[in-house]
């Protein structure tokens, strides 16, 4: 879903993980996110054209990657948007892609050469 890709792109952009962004730009395109939206997220900014679910995913991911506790109001809004299970999935997804981004950066995994 595009909502997942929004959260993944926010995370990859935060860590400036080139390979992560490379891989998920392609997935985000395939899942229907507009190029301008993808480019804005990859640049570390919040697009103005996100639908409500995408905006919530952006806000939760952005808050989590900055560190600290997810604000209670944002947590409650996310539960209202995605349900308890969906909110837990979103939080776990962001955590997973934090790990992936750090590993990719740690081993300096390059973006493939276009051939």
Protein backbone atom coordinates (compact mmCIF):
# COMPACT_ATOMS: atom_id res chain seq x y z
CA UNK A 1 0.00 0.00 0.00
CA UNK A 2 1.14 3.57 -0.59
CA UNK A 3 0.74 4.26 3.15
CA UNK A 4 3.52 1.79 3.95
CA UNK A 5 5.78 3.34 1.34
CA UNK A 6 5.25 6.80 2.81
CA UNK A 7 6.49 5.56 6.20
CA UNK A 8 9.44 3.71 4.64
CA UNK A 9 10.46 6.72 2.55
CA UNK A 10 10.28 9.02 5.59
CA UNK A 11 12.58 6.63 7.43
CA UNK A 12 15.03 6.22 4.57
CA UNK A 13 15.15 9.98 4.04
CA UNK A 14 15.81 10.61 7.71
CA UNK A 15 18.83 8.28 7.66
CA UNK A 16 19.86 9.42 4.17
CA UNK A 17 20.00 5.77 3.19
CA UNK A 18 20.66 5.93 -0.55
CA UNK A 19 19.91 2.28 -1.28
CA UNK A 20 16.77 2.28 0.83
CA UNK A 21 15.44 5.30 -1.03
CA UNK A 22 16.47 3.84 -4.39
CA UNK A 23 14.63 0.59 -3.71
CA UNK A 24 11.49 2.12 -2.26
CA UNK A 25 11.11 4.92 -4.78
CA UNK A 26 10.49 2.15 -7.32
CA UNK A 27 8.00 0.41 -5.03
CA UNK A 28 6.23 3.68 -4.20
CA UNK A 29 5.88 4.45 -7.91
CA UNK A 30 4.46 0.98 -8.54
CA UNK A 31 1.97 1.50 -5.71
CA UNK A 32 0.70 4.74 -7.21
CA UNK A 33 2.42 7.52 -5.28
CA UNK A 34 3.01 10.53 -7.55
CA UNK A 35 6.62 11.34 -8.43
CA UNK A 36 6.40 14.79 -6.86
CA UNK A 37 5.16 13.30 -3.58
CA UNK A 38 7.98 10.77 -3.57
CA UNK A 39 10.58 13.42 -4.33
CA UNK A 40 9.28 15.69 -1.58
CA UNK A 41 9.44 12.91 1.03
CA UNK A 42 12.90 11.83 -0.17
CA UNK A 43 14.02 15.45 0.31
CA UNK A 44 12.89 15.26 3.94
CA UNK A 45 9.77 17.39 3.56
CA UNK A 46 6.06 16.73 4.08
CA UNK A 47 4.04 16.78 0.86
CA UNK A 48 0.83 18.80 0.87
CA UNK A 49 -1.09 16.30 -1.28
CA UNK A 50 -1.12 13.29 1.06
CA UNK A 51 -4.46 11.65 1.73
CA UNK A 52 -5.45 11.33 5.42
CA UNK A 53 -3.94 7.85 5.90
CA UNK A 54 -0.72 8.78 4.11
CA UNK A 55 -0.49 11.98 6.18
CA UNK A 56 -0.91 10.01 9.39
CA UNK A 57 1.79 7.54 8.33
CA UNK A 58 4.07 10.46 7.50
CA UNK A 59 3.46 12.13 10.85
CA UNK A 60 3.96 8.96 12.90
CA UNK A 61 7.12 7.94 11.01
CA UNK A 62 8.52 11.46 11.17
CA UNK A 63 7.92 11.67 14.90
CA UNK A 64 9.45 8.25 15.59
CA UNK A 65 12.64 8.80 13.58
CA UNK A 66 13.28 12.07 15.42
CA UNK A 67 13.52 10.04 18.63
CA UNK A 68 11.65 10.08 21.88
CA UNK A 69 8.16 8.95 22.74
CA UNK A 70 5.41 9.15 20.16
CA UNK A 71 3.16 11.96 21.44
CA UNK A 72 -0.04 10.58 22.97
CA UNK A 73 -2.30 12.65 20.72
CA UNK A 74 -0.53 11.34 17.62
CA UNK A 75 -0.68 7.78 18.97
CA UNK A 76 -4.45 8.12 19.53
CA UNK A 77 -4.97 9.65 16.08
CA UNK A 78 -3.02 6.79 14.51
CA UNK A 79 -5.11 4.21 16.37
CA UNK A 80 -8.26 6.01 15.18
CA UNK A 81 -6.93 5.95 11.61
CA UNK A 82 -5.46 2.44 11.43
CA UNK A 83 -6.88 0.57 14.43
CA UNK A 84 -4.77 -0.93 17.22
CA UNK A 85 -3.24 -3.62 15.01
CA UNK A 86 -2.58 -1.25 12.12
CA UNK A 87 -0.95 1.28 14.43
CA UNK A 88 1.27 -1.43 15.91
CA UNK A 89 2.18 -2.55 12.40
CA UNK A 90 3.11 1.02 11.44
CA UNK A 91 5.31 1.49 14.51
CA UNK A 92 7.02 -1.86 13.89
CA UNK A 93 7.50 -1.01 10.20
CA UNK A 94 9.26 2.25 11.06
CA UNK A 95 11.46 0.45 13.59
CA UNK A 96 12.34 -2.24 11.07
CA UNK A 97 13.30 0.28 8.40
CA UNK A 98 15.38 2.27 10.91
CA UNK A 99 17.38 -0.93 11.37
CA UNK A 100 17.54 -1.61 7.64
CA UNK A 101 18.68 1.96 6.92
CA UNK A 102 21.42 1.81 9.53
CA UNK A 103 22.68 -1.55 8.25
CA UNK A 104 22.69 -0.33 4.63
CA UNK A 105 24.54 2.82 5.67
CA UNK A 106 26.94 0.89 7.89
CA UNK A 107 28.03 -1.27 4.97
CA UNK A 108 27.80 1.65 2.53
CA UNK A 109 25.55 -0.33 0.19
CA UNK A 110 25.62 1.57 -3.10
CA UNK A 111 22.81 2.32 -5.48
CA UNK A 112 23.24 0.11 -8.56
CA UNK A 113 24.64 1.73 -11.68
CA UNK A 114 21.96 2.17 -14.31
CA UNK A 115 22.92 -0.20 -17.08
